[in-house]
Amino acid sequence: MSEFDTQYDSLDSLPDLELRLTRYSKILYELSMPNQIHRHTHTYEHYKKQLIAHVYEYKRMKGTNKLTEKLDTMLEKIEKLRDIELKRGE
């Protein structure tokens, strides 16, 4: 698992932000797998907040496009799947 990225000011360019968006989306996807949901809740919440903040920053810099729409859709679907899995585990 990657280290936490806590340096908000470390984004030097739009490509850096795009790379971080891609990496965070992959991490969130991995953390949303059924065998990871209960074990890594705090880590998932951390990366979810980070991804939302970076998507907001990306939209501010470049506007809404296909990438931001896909990321928004992915976040919604992951949340629904996590809710289903958490209810199943209760």
PDB file of N, CA and C in Angstrom:
ATOM      1  N   MET A   1       0.845  -1.173   0.000  1.00  0.00           N
ATOM      2  CA  MET A   1       0.000   0.000   0.000  1.00  0.00           C
ATOM      3  C   MET A   1       0.893   1.240   0.000  1.00  0.00           C
ATOM      4  N   SER A   2       0.475   2.263  -0.678  1.00  0.00           N
ATOM      5  CA  SER A   2       1.243   3.498  -0.765  1.00  0.00           C
ATOM      6  C   SER A   2       1.208   4.263   0.555  1.00  0.00           C
ATOM      7  N   GLU A   3       2.192   5.142   0.723  1.00  0.00           N
ATOM      8  CA  GLU A   3       2.212   5.992   1.905  1.00  0.00           C
ATOM      9  C   GLU A   3       1.138   7.055   1.777  1.00  0.00           C
ATOM     10  N   PHE A   4       0.739   7.625   2.908  1.00  0.00           N
ATOM     11  CA  PHE A   4      -0.208   8.730   2.862  1.00  0.00           C
ATOM     12  C   PHE A   4       0.462   9.932   2.215  1.00  0.00           C
ATOM     13  N   ASP A   5      -0.270  10.608   1.355  1.00  0.00           N
ATOM     14  CA  ASP A   5       0.225  11.840   0.761  1.00  0.00           C
ATOM     15  C   ASP A   5      -0.375  12.998   1.542  1.00  0.00           C
ATOM     16  N   THR A   6       0.452  13.672   2.307  1.00  0.00           N
ATOM     17  CA  THR A   6      -0.051  14.763   3.133  1.00  0.00           C
ATOM     18  C   THR A   6       0.452  16.116   2.678  1.00  0.00           C
ATOM     19  N   GLN A   7       1.256  16.148   1.651  1.00  0.00           N
ATOM     20  CA  GLN A   7       1.792  17.407   1.139  1.00  0.00           C
ATOM     21  C   GLN A   7       0.871  17.959   0.065  1.00  0.00           C
ATOM     22  N   TYR A   8      -0.088  18.766   0.490  1.00  0.00           N
ATOM     23  CA  TYR A   8      -1.048  19.306  -0.454  1.00  0.00           C
ATOM     24  C   TYR A   8      -0.397  20.248  -1.461  1.00  0.00           C
ATOM     25  N   ASP A   9       0.681  20.913  -1.068  1.00  0.00           N
ATOM     26  CA  ASP A   9       1.320  21.878  -1.947  1.00  0.00           C
ATOM     27  C   ASP A   9       2.387  21.256  -2.844  1.00  0.00           C
ATOM     28  N   SER A  10       2.466  19.943  -2.884  1.00  0.00           N
ATOM     29  CA  SER A  10       3.509  19.289  -3.669  1.00  0.00           C
ATOM     30  C   SER A  10       3.111  19.081  -5.126  1.00  0.00           C
ATOM     31  N   LEU A  11       1.947  19.561  -5.524  1.00  0.00           N
ATOM     32  CA  LEU A  11       1.521  19.413  -6.914  1.00  0.00           C
ATOM     33  C   LEU A  11       2.162  20.522  -7.739  1.00  0.00           C
ATOM     34  N   ASP A  12       3.069  20.132  -8.613  1.00  0.00           N
ATOM     35  CA  ASP A  12       3.784  21.112  -9.415  1.00  0.00           C
ATOM     36  C   ASP A  12       3.090  21.432 -10.723  1.00  0.00           C
ATOM     37  N   SER A  13       2.265  20.508 -11.219  1.00  0.00           N
ATOM     38  CA  SER A  13       1.659  20.727 -12.528  1.00  0.00           C
ATOM     39  C   SER A  13       0.387  19.896 -12.668  1.00  0.00           C
ATOM     40  N   LEU A  14      -0.333  20.165 -13.719  1.00  0.00           N
ATOM     41  CA  LEU A  14      -1.545  19.409 -14.022  1.00  0.00           C
ATOM     42  C   LEU A  14      -1.249  17.924 -14.251  1.00  0.00           C
ATOM     43  N   PRO A  15      -0.178  17.559 -14.960  1.00  0.00           N
ATOM     44  CA  PRO A  15       0.135  16.124 -15.093  1.00  0.00           C
ATOM     45  C   PRO A  15       0.386  15.437 -13.745  1.00  0.00           C
ATOM     46  N   ASP A  16       1.004  16.147 -12.793  1.00  0.00           N
ATOM     47  CA  ASP A  16       1.196  15.582 -11.456  1.00  0.00           C
ATOM     48  C   ASP A  16      -0.146  15.288 -10.799  1.00  0.00           C
ATOM     49  N   LEU A  17      -1.065  16.216 -10.954  1.00  0.00           N
ATOM     50  CA  LEU A  17      -2.393  16.045 -10.384  1.00  0.00           C
ATOM     51  C   LEU A  17      -3.122  14.884 -11.052  1.00  0.00           C
ATOM     52  N   GLU A  18      -2.999  14.762 -12.360  1.00  0.00           N
ATOM     53  CA  GLU A  18      -3.632  13.656 -13.082  1.00  0.00           C
ATOM     54  C   GLU A  18      -3.068  12.310 -12.638  1.00  0.00           C
ATOM     55  N   LEU A  19      -1.762  12.241 -12.443  1.00  0.00           N
ATOM     56  CA  LEU A  19      -1.138  11.004 -11.960  1.00  0.00           C
ATOM     57  C   LEU A  19      -1.634  10.651 -10.569  1.00  0.00           C
ATOM     58  N   ARG A  20      -1.758  11.654  -9.717  1.00  0.00           N
ATOM     59  CA  ARG A  20      -2.238  11.406  -8.362  1.00  0.00           C
ATOM     60  C   ARG A  20      -3.698  10.956  -8.379  1.00  0.00           C
ATOM     61  N   LEU A  21      -4.513  11.555  -9.236  1.00  0.00           N
ATOM     62  CA  LEU A  21      -5.914  11.140  -9.366  1.00  0.00           C
ATOM     63  C   LEU A  21      -6.003   9.673  -9.787  1.00  0.00           C
ATOM     64  N   THR A  22      -5.180   9.301 -10.733  1.00  0.00           N
ATOM     65  CA  THR A  22      -5.170   7.919 -11.211  1.00  0.00           C
ATOM     66  C   THR A  22      -4.734   6.967 -10.102  1.00  0.00           C
ATOM     67  N   ARG A  23      -3.670   7.328  -9.393  1.00  0.00           N
ATOM     68  CA  ARG A  23      -3.163   6.466  -8.329  1.00  0.00           C
ATOM     69  C   ARG A  23      -4.180   6.317  -7.206  1.00  0.00           C
ATOM     70  N   TYR A  24      -4.782   7.411  -6.785  1.00  0.00           N
ATOM     71  CA  TYR A  24      -5.760   7.356  -5.702  1.00  0.00           C
ATOM     72  C   TYR A  24      -6.981   6.548  -6.106  1.00  0.00           C
ATOM     73  N   SER A  25      -7.414   6.679  -7.358  1.00  0.00           N
ATOM     74  CA  SER A  25      -8.587   5.913  -7.792  1.00  0.00           C
ATOM     75  C   SER A  25      -8.284   4.415  -7.757  1.00  0.00           C
ATOM     76  N   LYS A  26      -7.069   4.026  -8.119  1.00  0.00           N
ATOM     77  CA  LYS A  26      -6.689   2.615  -8.048  1.00  0.00           C
ATOM     78  C   LYS A  26      -6.640   2.125  -6.605  1.00  0.00           C
ATOM     79  N   ILE A  27      -6.120   2.959  -5.709  1.00  0.00           N
ATOM     80  CA  ILE A  27      -6.051   2.590  -4.292  1.00  0.00           C
ATOM     81  C   ILE A  27      -7.458   2.421  -3.730  1.00  0.00           C
ATOM     82  N   LEU A  28      -8.349   3.365  -4.041  1.00  0.00           N
ATOM     83  CA  LEU A  28      -9.727   3.262  -3.563  1.00  0.00           C
ATOM     84  C   LEU A  28     -10.409   2.018  -4.094  1.00  0.00           C
ATOM     85  N   TYR A  29     -10.161   1.708  -5.347  1.00  0.00           N
ATOM     86  CA  TYR A  29     -10.752   0.506  -5.934  1.00  0.00           C
ATOM     87  C   TYR A  29     -10.276  -0.737  -5.181  1.00  0.00           C
ATOM     88  N   GLU A  30      -8.981  -0.811  -4.916  1.00  0.00           N
ATOM     89  CA  GLU A  30      -8.438  -1.956  -4.184  1.00  0.00           C
ATOM     90  C   GLU A  30      -9.011  -2.040  -2.772  1.00  0.00           C
ATOM     91  N   LEU A  31      -9.179  -0.889  -2.117  1.00  0.00           N
ATOM     92  CA  LEU A  31      -9.702  -0.872  -0.755  1.00  0.00           C
ATOM     93  C   LEU A  31     -11.198  -1.160  -0.698  1.00  0.00           C
ATOM     94  N   SER A  32     -11.863  -1.143  -1.840  1.00  0.00           N
ATOM     95  CA  SER A  32     -13.296  -1.410  -1.858  1.00  0.00           C
ATOM     96  C   SER A  32     -13.612  -2.874  -2.147  1.00  0.00           C
ATOM     97  N   MET A  33     -12.599  -3.687  -2.304  1.00  0.00           N
ATOM     98  CA  MET A  33     -12.822  -5.114  -2.510  1.00  0.00           C
ATOM     99  C   MET A  33     -13.413  -5.721  -1.237  1.00  0.00           C
ATOM    100  N   PRO A  34     -14.284  -6.734  -1.386  1.00  0.00           N
ATOM    101  CA  PRO A  34     -14.974  -7.305  -0.215  1.00  0.00           C
ATOM    102  C   PRO A  34     -14.062  -7.740   0.930  1.00  0.00           C
ATOM    103  N   ASN A  35     -12.892  -8.259   0.627  1.00  0.00           N
ATOM    104  CA  ASN A  35     -12.007  -8.715   1.701  1.00  0.00           C
ATOM    105  C   ASN A  35     -11.247  -7.563   2.374  1.00  0.00           C
ATOM    106  N   GLN A  36     -11.346  -6.347   1.849  1.00  0.00           N
ATOM    107  CA  GLN A  36     -10.614  -5.202   2.398  1.00  0.00           C
ATOM    108  C   GLN A  36     -11.510  -4.222   3.155  1.00  0.00           C
ATOM    109  N   ILE A  37     -12.810  -4.305   2.946  1.00  0.00           N
ATOM    110  CA  ILE A  37     -13.726  -3.277   3.458  1.00  0.00           C
ATOM    111  C   ILE A  37     -13.636  -3.109   4.971  1.00  0.00           C
ATOM    112  N   HIS A  38     -13.673  -4.184   5.709  1.00  0.00           N
ATOM    113  CA  HIS A  38     -13.677  -4.087   7.168  1.00  0.00           C
ATOM    114  C   HIS A  38     -12.290  -3.842   7.733  1.00  0.00           C
ATOM    115  N   ARG A  39     -11.270  -4.225   7.014  1.00  0.00           N
ATOM    116  CA  ARG A  39      -9.903  -4.129   7.527  1.00  0.00           C
ATOM    117  C   ARG A  39      -9.288  -2.749   7.348  1.00  0.00           C
ATOM    118  N   HIS A  40      -9.712  -2.004   6.332  1.00  0.00           N
ATOM    119  CA  HIS A  40      -9.025  -0.754   5.999  1.00  0.00           C
ATOM    120  C   HIS A  40      -9.982   0.433   5.888  1.00  0.00           C
ATOM    121  N   THR A  41     -10.928   0.534   6.801  1.00  0.00           N
ATOM    122  CA  THR A  41     -11.927   1.599   6.741  1.00  0.00           C
ATOM    123  C   THR A  41     -11.284   2.980   6.856  1.00  0.00           C
ATOM    124  N   HIS A  42     -10.384   3.150   7.813  1.00  0.00           N
ATOM    125  CA  HIS A  42      -9.748   4.461   8.011  1.00  0.00           C
ATOM    126  C   HIS A  42      -8.920   4.863   6.793  1.00  0.00           C
ATOM    127  N   THR A  43      -8.167   3.927   6.255  1.00  0.00           N
ATOM    128  CA  THR A  43      -7.346   4.208   5.069  1.00  0.00           C
ATOM    129  C   THR A  43      -8.226   4.571   3.884  1.00  0.00           C
ATOM    130  N   TYR A  44      -9.326   3.853   3.722  1.00  0.00           N
ATOM    131  CA  TYR A  44     -10.259   4.145   2.636  1.00  0.00           C
ATOM    132  C   TYR A  44     -10.802   5.573   2.769  1.00  0.00           C
ATOM    133  N   GLU A  45     -11.224   5.937   3.974  1.00  0.00           N
ATOM    134  CA  GLU A  45     -11.777   7.278   4.195  1.00  0.00           C
ATOM    135  C   GLU A  45     -10.733   8.355   3.902  1.00  0.00           C
ATOM    136  N   HIS A  46      -9.495   8.095   4.294  1.00  0.00           N
ATOM    137  CA  HIS A  46      -8.416   9.048   4.030  1.00  0.00           C
ATOM    138  C   HIS A  46      -8.251   9.278   2.525  1.00  0.00           C
ATOM    139  N   TYR A  47      -8.118   8.201   1.772  1.00  0.00           N
ATOM    140  CA  TYR A  47      -7.892   8.340   0.336  1.00  0.00           C
ATOM    141  C   TYR A  47      -9.130   8.869  -0.385  1.00  0.00           C
ATOM    142  N   LYS A  48     -10.300   8.572   0.123  1.00  0.00           N
ATOM    143  CA  LYS A  48     -11.519   9.113  -0.473  1.00  0.00           C
ATOM    144  C   LYS A  48     -11.534  10.634  -0.337  1.00  0.00           C
ATOM    145  N   LYS A  49     -11.218  11.132   0.847  1.00  0.00           N
ATOM    146  CA  LYS A  49     -11.159  12.582   1.064  1.00  0.00           C
ATOM    147  C   LYS A  49     -10.090  13.224   0.192  1.00  0.00           C
ATOM    148  N   GLN A  50      -8.944  12.566   0.097  1.00  0.00           N
ATOM    149  CA  GLN A  50      -7.869  13.087  -0.736  1.00  0.00           C
ATOM    150  C   GLN A  50      -8.304  13.154  -2.199  1.00  0.00           C
ATOM    151  N   LEU A  51      -8.937  12.085  -2.680  1.00  0.00           N
ATOM    152  CA  LEU A  51      -9.379  12.042  -4.077  1.00  0.00           C
ATOM    153  C   LEU A  51     -10.417  13.117  -4.351  1.00  0.00           C
ATOM    154  N   ILE A  52     -11.365  13.293  -3.456  1.00  0.00           N
ATOM    155  CA  ILE A  52     -12.381  14.325  -3.643  1.00  0.00           C
ATOM    156  C   ILE A  52     -11.740  15.707  -3.700  1.00  0.00           C
ATOM    157  N   ALA A  53     -10.780  15.960  -2.835  1.00  0.00           N
ATOM    158  CA  ALA A  53     -10.086  17.252  -2.843  1.00  0.00           C
ATOM    159  C   ALA A  53      -9.322  17.458  -4.139  1.00  0.00           C
ATOM    160  N   HIS A  54      -8.659  16.420  -4.622  1.00  0.00           N
ATOM    161  CA  HIS A  54      -7.895  16.543  -5.857  1.00  0.00           C
ATOM    162  C   HIS A  54      -8.808  16.685  -7.070  1.00  0.00           C
ATOM    163  N   VAL A  55      -9.946  16.012  -7.065  1.00  0.00           N
ATOM    164  CA  VAL A  55     -10.912  16.175  -8.163  1.00  0.00           C
ATOM    165  C   VAL A  55     -11.410  17.617  -8.177  1.00  0.00           C
ATOM    166  N   TYR A  56     -11.703  18.162  -7.002  1.00  0.00           N
ATOM    167  CA  TYR A  56     -12.138  19.556  -6.909  1.00  0.00           C
ATOM    168  C   TYR A  56     -11.066  20.487  -7.475  1.00  0.00           C
ATOM    169  N   GLU A  57      -9.817  20.255  -7.102  1.00  0.00           N
ATOM    170  CA  GLU A  57      -8.710  21.085  -7.590  1.00  0.00           C
ATOM    171  C   GLU A  57      -8.553  20.943  -9.102  1.00  0.00           C
ATOM    172  N   TYR A  58      -8.684  19.733  -9.595  1.00  0.00           N
ATOM    173  CA  TYR A  58      -8.576  19.485 -11.035  1.00  0.00           C
ATOM    174  C   TYR A  58      -9.683  20.212 -11.793  1.00  0.00           C
ATOM    175  N   LYS A  59     -10.910  20.131 -11.249  1.00  0.00           N
ATOM    176  CA  LYS A  59     -12.031  20.825 -11.889  1.00  0.00           C
ATOM    177  C   LYS A  59     -11.802  22.336 -11.876  1.00  0.00           C
ATOM    178  N   ARG A  60     -11.218  22.851 -10.805  1.00  0.00           N
ATOM    179  CA  ARG A  60     -10.929  24.278 -10.706  1.00  0.00           C
ATOM    180  C   ARG A  60      -9.903  24.701 -11.756  1.00  0.00           C
ATOM    181  N   MET A  61      -8.918  23.846 -11.989  1.00  0.00           N
ATOM    182  CA  MET A  61      -7.850  24.173 -12.934  1.00  0.00           C
ATOM    183  C   MET A  61      -8.264  23.948 -14.384  1.00  0.00           C
ATOM    184  N   LYS A  62      -8.952  22.846 -14.645  1.00  0.00           N
ATOM    185  CA  LYS A  62      -9.203  22.458 -16.027  1.00  0.00           C
ATOM    186  C   LYS A  62     -10.679  22.390 -16.392  1.00  0.00           C
ATOM    187  N   GLY A  63     -11.546  22.364 -15.400  1.00  0.00           N
ATOM    188  CA  GLY A  63     -12.973  22.245 -15.670  1.00  0.00           C
ATOM    189  C   GLY A  63     -13.404  20.788 -15.698  1.00  0.00           C
ATOM    190  N   THR A  64     -14.702  20.591 -15.803  1.00  0.00           N
ATOM    191  CA  THR A  64     -15.245  19.230 -15.841  1.00  0.00           C
ATOM    192  C   THR A  64     -14.972  18.617 -17.207  1.00  0.00           C
ATOM    193  N   ASN A  65     -14.483  17.386 -17.200  1.00  0.00           N
ATOM    194  CA  ASN A  65     -14.249  16.665 -18.448  1.00  0.00           C
ATOM    195  C   ASN A  65     -14.517  15.185 -18.227  1.00  0.00           C
ATOM    196  N   LYS A  66     -14.137  14.382 -19.179  1.00  0.00           N
ATOM    197  CA  LYS A  66     -14.411  12.946 -19.116  1.00  0.00           C
ATOM    198  C   LYS A  66     -13.759  12.290 -17.887  1.00  0.00           C
ATOM    199  N   LEU A  67     -12.543  12.698 -17.554  1.00  0.00           N
ATOM    200  CA  LEU A  67     -11.838  12.132 -16.401  1.00  0.00           C
ATOM    201  C   LEU A  67     -12.597  12.412 -15.113  1.00  0.00           C
ATOM    202  N   THR A  68     -13.005  13.642 -14.893  1.00  0.00           N
ATOM    203  CA  THR A  68     -13.699  13.981 -13.649  1.00  0.00           C
ATOM    204  C   THR A  68     -15.060  13.292 -13.580  1.00  0.00           C
ATOM    205  N   GLU A  69     -15.725  13.168 -14.708  1.00  0.00           N
ATOM    206  CA  GLU A  69     -17.011  12.456 -14.723  1.00  0.00           C
ATOM    207  C   GLU A  69     -16.828  10.986 -14.366  1.00  0.00           C
ATOM    208  N   LYS A  70     -15.777  10.360 -14.907  1.00  0.00           N
ATOM    209  CA  LYS A  70     -15.502   8.953 -14.587  1.00  0.00           C
ATOM    210  C   LYS A  70     -15.161   8.772 -13.110  1.00  0.00           C
ATOM    211  N   LEU A  71     -14.376   9.694 -12.571  1.00  0.00           N
ATOM    212  CA  LEU A  71     -14.005   9.601 -11.165  1.00  0.00           C
ATOM    213  C   LEU A  71     -15.216   9.798 -10.260  1.00  0.00           C
ATOM    214  N   ASP A  72     -16.087  10.748 -10.603  1.00  0.00           N
ATOM    215  CA  ASP A  72     -17.311  10.951  -9.821  1.00  0.00           C
ATOM    216  C   ASP A  72     -18.189   9.702  -9.857  1.00  0.00           C
ATOM    217  N   THR A  73     -18.334   9.105 -11.039  1.00  0.00           N
ATOM    218  CA  THR A  73     -19.124   7.886 -11.188  1.00  0.00           C
ATOM    219  C   THR A  73     -18.509   6.745 -10.389  1.00  0.00           C
ATOM    220  N   MET A  74     -17.186   6.624 -10.454  1.00  0.00           N
ATOM    221  CA  MET A  74     -16.497   5.574  -9.721  1.00  0.00           C
ATOM    222  C   MET A  74     -16.720   5.718  -8.221  1.00  0.00           C
ATOM    223  N   LEU A  75     -16.613   6.944  -7.708  1.00  0.00           N
ATOM    224  CA  LEU A  75     -16.832   7.168  -6.283  1.00  0.00           C
ATOM    225  C   LEU A  75     -18.243   6.776  -5.860  1.00  0.00           C
ATOM    226  N   GLU A  76     -19.224   7.138  -6.666  1.00  0.00           N
ATOM    227  CA  GLU A  76     -20.611   6.783  -6.353  1.00  0.00           C
ATOM    228  C   GLU A  76     -20.800   5.262  -6.324  1.00  0.00           C
ATOM    229  N   LYS A  77     -20.263   4.585  -7.331  1.00  0.00           N
ATOM    230  CA  LYS A  77     -20.427   3.133  -7.406  1.00  0.00           C
ATOM    231  C   LYS A  77     -19.701   2.424  -6.276  1.00  0.00           C
ATOM    232  N   ILE A  78     -18.513   2.876  -5.944  1.00  0.00           N
ATOM    233  CA  ILE A  78     -17.755   2.269  -4.850  1.00  0.00           C
ATOM    234  C   ILE A  78     -18.503   2.446  -3.536  1.00  0.00           C
ATOM    235  N   GLU A  79     -19.068   3.625  -3.315  1.00  0.00           N
ATOM    236  CA  GLU A  79     -19.825   3.858  -2.087  1.00  0.00           C
ATOM    237  C   GLU A  79     -21.029   2.927  -1.992  1.00  0.00           C
ATOM    238  N   LYS A  80     -21.740   2.752  -3.105  1.00  0.00           N
ATOM    239  CA  LYS A  80     -22.894   1.846  -3.110  1.00  0.00           C
ATOM    240  C   LYS A  80     -22.460   0.411  -2.815  1.00  0.00           C
ATOM    241  N   LEU A  81     -21.380  -0.024  -3.454  1.00  0.00           N
ATOM    242  CA  LEU A  81     -20.891  -1.383  -3.222  1.00  0.00           C
ATOM    243  C   LEU A  81     -20.421  -1.574  -1.784  1.00  0.00           C
ATOM    244  N   ARG A  82     -19.752  -0.574  -1.227  1.00  0.00           N
ATOM    245  CA  ARG A  82     -19.302  -0.655   0.170  1.00  0.00           C
ATOM    246  C   ARG A  82     -20.490  -0.733   1.113  1.00  0.00           C
ATOM    247  N   ASP A  83     -21.515   0.072   0.841  1.00  0.00           N
ATOM    248  CA  ASP A  83     -22.716   0.037   1.691  1.00  0.00           C
ATOM    249  C   ASP A  83     -23.363  -1.353   1.655  1.00  0.00           C
ATOM    250  N   ILE A  84     -23.467  -1.923   0.466  1.00  0.00           N
ATOM    251  CA  ILE A  84     -24.053  -3.258   0.335  1.00  0.00           C
ATOM    252  C   ILE A  84     -23.225  -4.281   1.104  1.00  0.00           C
ATOM    253  N   GLU A  85     -21.912  -4.215   0.941  1.00  0.00           N
ATOM    254  CA  GLU A  85     -21.036  -5.176   1.606  1.00  0.00           C
ATOM    255  C   GLU A  85     -21.054  -4.996   3.124  1.00  0.00           C
ATOM    256  N   LEU A  86     -21.107  -3.755   3.583  1.00  0.00           N
ATOM    257  CA  LEU A  86     -21.151  -3.512   5.027  1.00  0.00           C
ATOM    258  C   LEU A  86     -22.463  -4.009   5.619  1.00  0.00           C
ATOM    259  N   LYS A  87     -23.574  -3.846   4.915  1.00  0.00           N
ATOM    260  CA  LYS A  87     -24.854  -4.349   5.394  1.00  0.00           C
ATOM    261  C   LYS A  87     -24.866  -5.872   5.412  1.00  0.00           C
ATOM    262  N   ARG A  88     -24.239  -6.467   4.428  1.00  0.00           N
ATOM    263  CA  ARG A  88     -24.158  -7.926   4.375  1.00  0.00           C
ATOM    264  C   ARG A  88     -23.341  -8.464   5.541  1.00  0.00           C
ATOM    265  N   GLY A  89     -22.310  -7.744   5.934  1.00  0.00           N
ATOM    266  CA  GLY A  89     -21.437  -8.197   7.014  1.00  0.00           C
ATOM    267  C   GLY A  89     -22.015  -8.031   8.406  1.00  0.00           C
ATOM    268  N   GLU A  90     -23.097  -7.269   8.534  1.00  0.00           N
ATOM    269  CA  GLU A  90     -23.680  -7.043   9.863  1.00  0.00           C
ATOM    270  C   GLU A  90     -24.446  -8.230  10.366  1.00  0.00           C
TER     271      GLU A  90
END
